[in-house]
PDB file of all heavy atoms in Angstrom:
ATOM      1  N   GLY A   1      -7.293   0.575   5.835  1.00  0.00           N
ATOM      2  CA  GLY A   1      -6.884  -0.092   4.662  1.00  0.00           C
ATOM      3  C   GLY A   1      -7.914   0.087   3.640  1.00  0.00           C
ATOM      4  O   GLY A   1      -7.507   0.287   2.400  1.00  0.00           O
ATOM      5  N   SER A   2      -9.116  -0.036   3.994  1.00  0.00           N
ATOM      6  CA  SER A   2     -10.216   0.019   2.898  1.00  0.00           C
ATOM      7  C   SER A   2     -10.332   1.471   2.354  1.00  0.00           C
ATOM      8  O   SER A   2     -10.743   1.616   1.188  1.00  0.00           O
ATOM      9  CB  SER A   2     -11.679  -0.339   3.554  1.00  0.00           C
ATOM     10  OG  SER A   2     -11.981   0.593   4.591  1.00  0.00           O
ATOM     11  N   LEU A   3      -9.879   2.556   3.042  1.00  0.00           N
ATOM     12  CA  LEU A   3      -9.942   3.810   2.540  1.00  0.00           C
ATOM     13  C   LEU A   3      -8.676   4.234   1.881  1.00  0.00           C
ATOM     14  O   LEU A   3      -8.683   4.920   0.786  1.00  0.00           O
ATOM     15  CB  LEU A   3     -10.253   4.868   3.621  1.00  0.00           C
ATOM     16  CG  LEU A   3     -11.693   4.761   4.246  1.00  0.00           C
ATOM     17  CD1 LEU A   3     -11.863   5.792   5.382  1.00  0.00           C
ATOM     18  CD2 LEU A   3     -12.843   5.001   3.239  1.00  0.00           C
ATOM     19  N   ALA A   4      -7.562   3.915   2.426  1.00  0.00           N
ATOM     20  CA  ALA A   4      -6.234   4.197   1.940  1.00  0.00           C
ATOM     21  C   ALA A   4      -5.983   3.635   0.564  1.00  0.00           C
ATOM     22  O   ALA A   4      -5.335   4.315  -0.326  1.00  0.00           O
ATOM     23  CB  ALA A   4      -5.129   3.812   2.916  1.00  0.00           C
ATOM     24  N   PHE A   5      -6.411   2.393   0.372  1.00  0.00           N
ATOM     25  CA  PHE A   5      -6.093   1.775  -0.927  1.00  0.00           C
ATOM     26  C   PHE A   5      -6.793   2.405  -2.086  1.00  0.00           C
ATOM     27  O   PHE A   5      -5.986   2.831  -2.925  1.00  0.00           O
ATOM     28  CB  PHE A   5      -6.607   0.326  -0.876  1.00  0.00           C
ATOM     29  CG  PHE A   5      -6.439  -0.353  -2.173  1.00  0.00           C
ATOM     30  CD1 PHE A   5      -5.167  -0.824  -2.680  1.00  0.00           C
ATOM     31  CD2 PHE A   5      -7.514  -0.666  -3.074  1.00  0.00           C
ATOM     32  CE1 PHE A   5      -5.049  -1.374  -3.889  1.00  0.00           C
ATOM     33  CE2 PHE A   5      -7.341  -1.228  -4.337  1.00  0.00           C
ATOM     34  CZ  PHE A   5      -6.167  -1.634  -4.617  1.00  0.00           C
ATOM     35  N   PRO A   6      -8.072   2.717  -2.090  1.00  0.00           N
ATOM     36  CA  PRO A   6      -8.696   3.333  -3.284  1.00  0.00           C
ATOM     37  C   PRO A   6      -8.381   4.862  -3.301  1.00  0.00           C
ATOM     38  O   PRO A   6      -8.368   5.426  -4.408  1.00  0.00           O
ATOM     39  CB  PRO A   6     -10.215   3.095  -3.188  1.00  0.00           C
ATOM     40  CG  PRO A   6     -10.429   2.962  -1.710  1.00  0.00           C
ATOM     41  CD  PRO A   6      -9.153   2.228  -1.147  1.00  0.00           C
ATOM     42  N   VAL A   7      -8.357   5.606  -2.175  1.00  0.00           N
ATOM     43  CA  VAL A   7      -8.184   7.004  -2.178  1.00  0.00           C
ATOM     44  C   VAL A   7      -6.874   7.460  -2.465  1.00  0.00           C
ATOM     45  O   VAL A   7      -6.509   8.428  -3.107  1.00  0.00           O
ATOM     46  CB  VAL A   7      -8.830   7.579  -0.764  1.00  0.00           C
ATOM     47  CG1 VAL A   7      -8.579   9.091  -0.881  1.00  0.00           C
ATOM     48  CG2 VAL A   7     -10.263   7.266  -0.861  1.00  0.00           C
ATOM     49  N   LEU A   8      -5.860   6.789  -1.795  1.00  0.00           N
ATOM     50  CA  LEU A   8      -4.415   7.374  -1.878  1.00  0.00           C
ATOM     51  C   LEU A   8      -3.451   6.339  -2.616  1.00  0.00           C
ATOM     52  O   LEU A   8      -2.844   6.864  -3.542  1.00  0.00           O
ATOM     53  CB  LEU A   8      -3.879   7.438  -0.485  1.00  0.00           C
ATOM     54  CG  LEU A   8      -4.685   8.535   0.486  1.00  0.00           C
ATOM     55  CD1 LEU A   8      -4.039   8.528   1.812  1.00  0.00           C
ATOM     56  CD2 LEU A   8      -4.336   9.856  -0.205  1.00  0.00           C
ATOM     57  N   LEU A   9      -3.359   5.176  -2.224  1.00  0.00           N
ATOM     58  CA  LEU A   9      -2.431   4.321  -2.691  1.00  0.00           C
ATOM     59  C   LEU A   9      -2.547   3.930  -4.188  1.00  0.00           C
ATOM     60  O   LEU A   9      -1.615   4.098  -4.939  1.00  0.00           O
ATOM     61  CB  LEU A   9      -2.373   2.973  -1.920  1.00  0.00           C
ATOM     62  CG  LEU A   9      -2.020   3.133  -0.370  1.00  0.00           C
ATOM     63  CD1 LEU A   9      -2.067   1.805   0.303  1.00  0.00           C
ATOM     64  CD2 LEU A   9      -0.672   3.735  -0.199  1.00  0.00           C
ATOM     65  N   LEU A  10      -3.672   3.444  -4.536  1.00  0.00           N
ATOM     66  CA  LEU A  10      -4.026   3.106  -6.020  1.00  0.00           C
ATOM     67  C   LEU A  10      -3.780   4.158  -6.975  1.00  0.00           C
ATOM     68  O   LEU A  10      -2.999   4.027  -7.960  1.00  0.00           O
ATOM     69  CB  LEU A  10      -5.308   2.508  -6.109  1.00  0.00           C
ATOM     70  CG  LEU A  10      -5.573   1.896  -7.495  1.00  0.00           C
ATOM     71  CD1 LEU A  10      -4.741   0.678  -7.802  1.00  0.00           C
ATOM     72  CD2 LEU A  10      -7.095   1.385  -7.570  1.00  0.00           C
ATOM     73  N   PRO A  11      -4.391   5.517  -6.727  1.00  0.00           N
ATOM     74  CA  PRO A  11      -4.107   6.508  -7.678  1.00  0.00           C
ATOM     75  C   PRO A  11      -2.696   7.062  -7.727  1.00  0.00           C
ATOM     76  O   PRO A  11      -2.280   7.593  -8.767  1.00  0.00           O
ATOM     77  CB  PRO A  11      -5.196   7.475  -7.310  1.00  0.00           C
ATOM     78  CG  PRO A  11      -5.450   7.225  -5.947  1.00  0.00           C
ATOM     79  CD  PRO A  11      -5.418   5.780  -5.831  1.00  0.00           C
ATOM     80  N   LEU A  12      -2.084   7.058  -6.507  1.00  0.00           N
ATOM     81  CA  LEU A  12      -0.789   7.707  -6.401  1.00  0.00           C
ATOM     82  C   LEU A  12       0.349   6.780  -7.003  1.00  0.00           C
ATOM     83  O   LEU A  12       1.332   7.226  -7.552  1.00  0.00           O
ATOM     84  CB  LEU A  12      -0.478   8.103  -5.047  1.00  0.00           C
ATOM     85  CG  LEU A  12      -1.398   9.383  -4.565  1.00  0.00           C
ATOM     86  CD1 LEU A  12      -1.051   9.668  -3.184  1.00  0.00           C
ATOM     87  CD2 LEU A  12      -1.108  10.507  -5.561  1.00  0.00           C
ATOM     88  N   LEU A  13       0.246   5.480  -6.410  1.00  0.00           N
ATOM     89  CA  LEU A  13       1.313   4.495  -6.751  1.00  0.00           C
ATOM     90  C   LEU A  13       1.098   3.520  -7.837  1.00  0.00           C
ATOM     91  O   LEU A  13       1.979   3.082  -8.480  1.00  0.00           O
ATOM     92  CB  LEU A  13       1.664   3.786  -5.452  1.00  0.00           C
ATOM     93  CG  LEU A  13       2.066   4.571  -4.305  1.00  0.00           C
ATOM     94  CD1 LEU A  13       2.388   3.714  -3.029  1.00  0.00           C
ATOM     95  CD2 LEU A  13       3.297   5.528  -4.599  1.00  0.00           C
ATOM     96  N   GLY A  14      -0.225   3.155  -7.984  1.00  0.00           N
ATOM     97  CA  GLY A  14      -0.418   2.086  -8.876  1.00  0.00           C
ATOM     98  C   GLY A  14      -0.654   0.708  -8.226  1.00  0.00           C
ATOM     99  O   GLY A  14      -0.246   0.648  -6.984  1.00  0.00           O
ATOM    100  N   LEU A  15      -0.965  -0.334  -8.951  1.00  0.00           N
ATOM    101  CA  LEU A  15      -1.253  -1.589  -8.251  1.00  0.00           C
ATOM    102  C   LEU A  15       0.055  -2.316  -7.638  1.00  0.00           C
ATOM    103  O   LEU A  15       0.033  -2.577  -6.427  1.00  0.00           O
ATOM    104  CB  LEU A  15      -1.780  -2.541  -9.212  1.00  0.00           C
ATOM    105  CG  LEU A  15      -3.363  -2.537  -9.532  1.00  0.00           C
ATOM    106  CD1 LEU A  15      -3.691  -3.501 -10.597  1.00  0.00           C
ATOM    107  CD2 LEU A  15      -4.100  -2.955  -8.170  1.00  0.00           C
ATOM    108  N   PHE A  16       1.044  -2.472  -8.372  1.00  0.00           N
ATOM    109  CA  PHE A  16       2.152  -3.249  -7.940  1.00  0.00           C
ATOM    110  C   PHE A  16       3.015  -2.443  -6.908  1.00  0.00           C
ATOM    111  O   PHE A  16       3.499  -3.128  -5.964  1.00  0.00           O
ATOM    112  CB  PHE A  16       2.949  -3.834  -9.043  1.00  0.00           C
ATOM    113  CG  PHE A  16       2.134  -4.705  -9.957  1.00  0.00           C
ATOM    114  CD1 PHE A  16       1.950  -4.538 -11.330  1.00  0.00           C
ATOM    115  CD2 PHE A  16       1.507  -5.877  -9.386  1.00  0.00           C
ATOM    116  CE1 PHE A  16       1.098  -5.377 -12.026  1.00  0.00           C
ATOM    117  CE2 PHE A  16       0.711  -6.790 -10.097  1.00  0.00           C
ATOM    118  CZ  PHE A  16       0.538  -6.478 -11.530  1.00  0.00           C
ATOM    119  N   PRO A  17       3.370  -1.171  -7.186  1.00  0.00           N
ATOM    120  CA  PRO A  17       4.026  -0.417  -6.085  1.00  0.00           C
ATOM    121  C   PRO A  17       3.279  -0.466  -4.762  1.00  0.00           C
ATOM    122  O   PRO A  17       3.882  -0.540  -3.702  1.00  0.00           O
ATOM    123  CB  PRO A  17       4.253   0.970  -6.670  1.00  0.00           C
ATOM    124  CG  PRO A  17       4.214   0.635  -8.231  1.00  0.00           C
ATOM    125  CD  PRO A  17       3.276  -0.357  -8.262  1.00  0.00           C
ATOM    126  N   THR A  18       1.933  -0.470  -4.849  1.00  0.00           N
ATOM    127  CA  THR A  18       1.129  -0.417  -3.736  1.00  0.00           C
ATOM    128  C   THR A  18       1.355  -1.867  -2.966  1.00  0.00           C
ATOM    129  O   THR A  18       1.292  -1.904  -1.777  1.00  0.00           O
ATOM    130  CB  THR A  18      -0.309  -0.289  -4.004  1.00  0.00           C
ATOM    131  OG1 THR A  18      -0.515   1.062  -4.421  1.00  0.00           O
ATOM    132  CG2 THR A  18      -1.231  -0.493  -2.855  1.00  0.00           C
ATOM    133  N   ALA A  19       1.375  -2.907  -3.797  1.00  0.00           N
ATOM    134  CA  ALA A  19       1.527  -4.223  -3.152  1.00  0.00           C
ATOM    135  C   ALA A  19       2.800  -4.299  -2.335  1.00  0.00           C
ATOM    136  O   ALA A  19       2.900  -4.879  -1.268  1.00  0.00           O
ATOM    137  CB  ALA A  19       1.553  -5.261  -4.255  1.00  0.00           C
ATOM    138  N   VAL A  20       3.993  -3.667  -2.963  1.00  0.00           N
ATOM    139  CA  VAL A  20       5.255  -3.755  -2.347  1.00  0.00           C
ATOM    140  C   VAL A  20       5.257  -2.788  -1.034  1.00  0.00           C
ATOM    141  O   VAL A  20       5.721  -3.197   0.041  1.00  0.00           O
ATOM    142  CB  VAL A  20       6.315  -3.075  -3.249  1.00  0.00           C
ATOM    143  CG1 VAL A  20       7.637  -3.057  -2.648  1.00  0.00           C
ATOM    144  CG2 VAL A  20       6.374  -4.071  -4.517  1.00  0.00           C
ATOM    145  N   LEU A  21       4.475  -1.694  -1.211  1.00  0.00           N
ATOM    146  CA  LEU A  21       4.436  -0.830   0.105  1.00  0.00           C
ATOM    147  C   LEU A  21       3.735  -1.450   1.161  1.00  0.00           C
ATOM    148  O   LEU A  21       4.254  -1.456   2.316  1.00  0.00           O
ATOM    149  CB  LEU A  21       3.738   0.536  -0.253  1.00  0.00           C
ATOM    150  CG  LEU A  21       3.476   1.475   0.883  1.00  0.00           C
ATOM    151  CD1 LEU A  21       4.867   1.926   1.452  1.00  0.00           C
ATOM    152  CD2 LEU A  21       2.733   2.735   0.471  1.00  0.00           C
ATOM    153  N   ILE A  22       2.559  -2.020   0.947  1.00  0.00           N
ATOM    154  CA  ILE A  22       1.808  -2.618   2.075  1.00  0.00           C
ATOM    155  C   ILE A  22       2.477  -3.858   2.605  1.00  0.00           C
ATOM    156  O   ILE A  22       2.364  -4.272   3.661  1.00  0.00           O
ATOM    157  CB  ILE A  22       0.327  -2.790   1.581  1.00  0.00           C
ATOM    158  CG1 ILE A  22       0.231  -3.975   0.439  1.00  0.00           C
ATOM    159  CG2 ILE A  22      -0.334  -1.569   1.314  1.00  0.00           C
ATOM    160  CD1 ILE A  22      -1.260  -4.270   0.161  1.00  0.00           C
ATOM    161  N   GLY A  23       3.315  -4.490   1.687  1.00  0.00           N
ATOM    162  CA  GLY A  23       3.980  -5.736   2.089  1.00  0.00           C
ATOM    163  C   GLY A  23       5.146  -5.271   2.933  1.00  0.00           C
ATOM    164  O   GLY A  23       5.553  -6.032   3.765  1.00  0.00           O
ATOM    165  N   SER A  24       5.637  -4.119   2.882  1.00  0.00           N
ATOM    166  CA  SER A  24       6.801  -3.750   3.711  1.00  0.00           C
ATOM    167  C   SER A  24       6.308  -3.440   5.132  1.00  0.00           C
ATOM    168  O   SER A  24       7.177  -3.535   6.140  1.00  0.00           O
ATOM    169  CB  SER A  24       7.527  -2.504   3.115  1.00  0.00           C
ATOM    170  OG  SER A  24       6.707  -1.398   3.248  1.00  0.00           O
ATOM    171  N   LEU A  25       5.023  -3.100   5.341  1.00  0.00           N
ATOM    172  CA  LEU A  25       4.630  -2.671   6.618  1.00  0.00           C
ATOM    173  C   LEU A  25       4.760  -3.851   7.697  1.00  0.00           C
ATOM    174  O   LEU A  25       5.228  -3.650   8.917  1.00  0.00           O
ATOM    175  CB  LEU A  25       3.171  -2.183   6.612  1.00  0.00           C
ATOM    176  CG  LEU A  25       2.885  -0.891   5.751  1.00  0.00           C
ATOM    177  CD1 LEU A  25       1.457  -0.582   5.826  1.00  0.00           C
ATOM    178  CD2 LEU A  25       3.760   0.255   6.325  1.00  0.00           C
ATOM    179  N   PRO A  26       4.309  -5.054   7.450  1.00  0.00           N
ATOM    180  CA  PRO A  26       4.482  -6.039   8.395  1.00  0.00           C
ATOM    181  C   PRO A  26       5.965  -6.273   8.783  1.00  0.00           C
ATOM    182  O   PRO A  26       6.301  -6.542   9.823  1.00  0.00           O
ATOM    183  CB  PRO A  26       3.904  -7.300   7.752  1.00  0.00           C
ATOM    184  CG  PRO A  26       3.033  -6.836   6.768  1.00  0.00           C
ATOM    185  CD  PRO A  26       3.583  -5.545   6.201  1.00  0.00           C
ATOM    186  N   ALA A  27       6.937  -6.135   7.708  1.00  0.00           N
ATOM    187  CA  ALA A  27       8.279  -6.344   8.074  1.00  0.00           C
ATOM    188  C   ALA A  27       8.856  -5.266   9.043  1.00  0.00           C
ATOM    189  O   ALA A  27       9.546  -5.557   9.969  1.00  0.00           O
ATOM    190  CB  ALA A  27       9.049  -6.342   6.659  1.00  0.00           C
ATOM    191  N   PHE A  28       8.468  -3.983   8.817  1.00  0.00           N
ATOM    192  CA  PHE A  28       8.869  -2.967   9.662  1.00  0.00           C
ATOM    193  C   PHE A  28       8.288  -3.151  11.025  1.00  0.00           C
ATOM    194  O   PHE A  28       8.850  -2.738  12.073  1.00  0.00           O
ATOM    195  CB  PHE A  28       8.620  -1.575   9.117  1.00  0.00           C
ATOM    196  CG  PHE A  28       9.477  -1.197   7.875  1.00  0.00           C
ATOM    197  CD1 PHE A  28       8.935  -0.982   6.681  1.00  0.00           C
ATOM    198  CD2 PHE A  28      10.937  -1.106   8.046  1.00  0.00           C
ATOM    199  CE1 PHE A  28       9.864  -0.627   5.601  1.00  0.00           C
ATOM    200  CE2 PHE A  28      11.718  -0.905   6.930  1.00  0.00           C
ATOM    201  CZ  PHE A  28      11.242  -0.567   5.817  1.00  0.00           C
ATOM    202  N   MET A  29       7.090  -3.753  11.049  1.00  0.00           N
ATOM    203  CA  MET A  29       6.420  -3.925  12.367  1.00  0.00           C
ATOM    204  C   MET A  29       7.299  -4.994  13.180  1.00  0.00           C
ATOM    205  O   MET A  29       7.495  -4.923  14.344  1.00  0.00           O
ATOM    206  CB  MET A  29       5.002  -4.416  12.245  1.00  0.00           C
ATOM    207  CG  MET A  29       4.261  -4.566  13.392  1.00  0.00           C
ATOM    208  SD  MET A  29       2.573  -4.954  13.061  1.00  0.00           S
ATOM    209  CE  MET A  29       2.661  -6.520  12.153  1.00  0.00           C
ATOM    210  N   VAL A  30       7.665  -6.011  12.419  1.00  0.00           N
ATOM    211  CA  VAL A  30       8.581  -7.113  13.058  1.00  0.00           C
ATOM    212  C   VAL A  30       9.777  -6.451  13.648  1.00  0.00           C
ATOM    213  O   VAL A  30      10.286  -6.699  14.696  1.00  0.00           O
ATOM    214  CB  VAL A  30       8.841  -8.161  12.034  1.00  0.00           C
ATOM    215  CG1 VAL A  30       9.963  -9.054  12.607  1.00  0.00           C
ATOM    216  CG2 VAL A  30       7.734  -9.011  11.771  1.00  0.00           C
TER     217      VAL A  30
END
């Protein structure tokens, strides 16, 4: 998480799409 956020997610998606993406992970895990 500490590497993916600054290296991939933030520059590729931006703040709020990143928030939605990481939010979907617990749901799919359920």
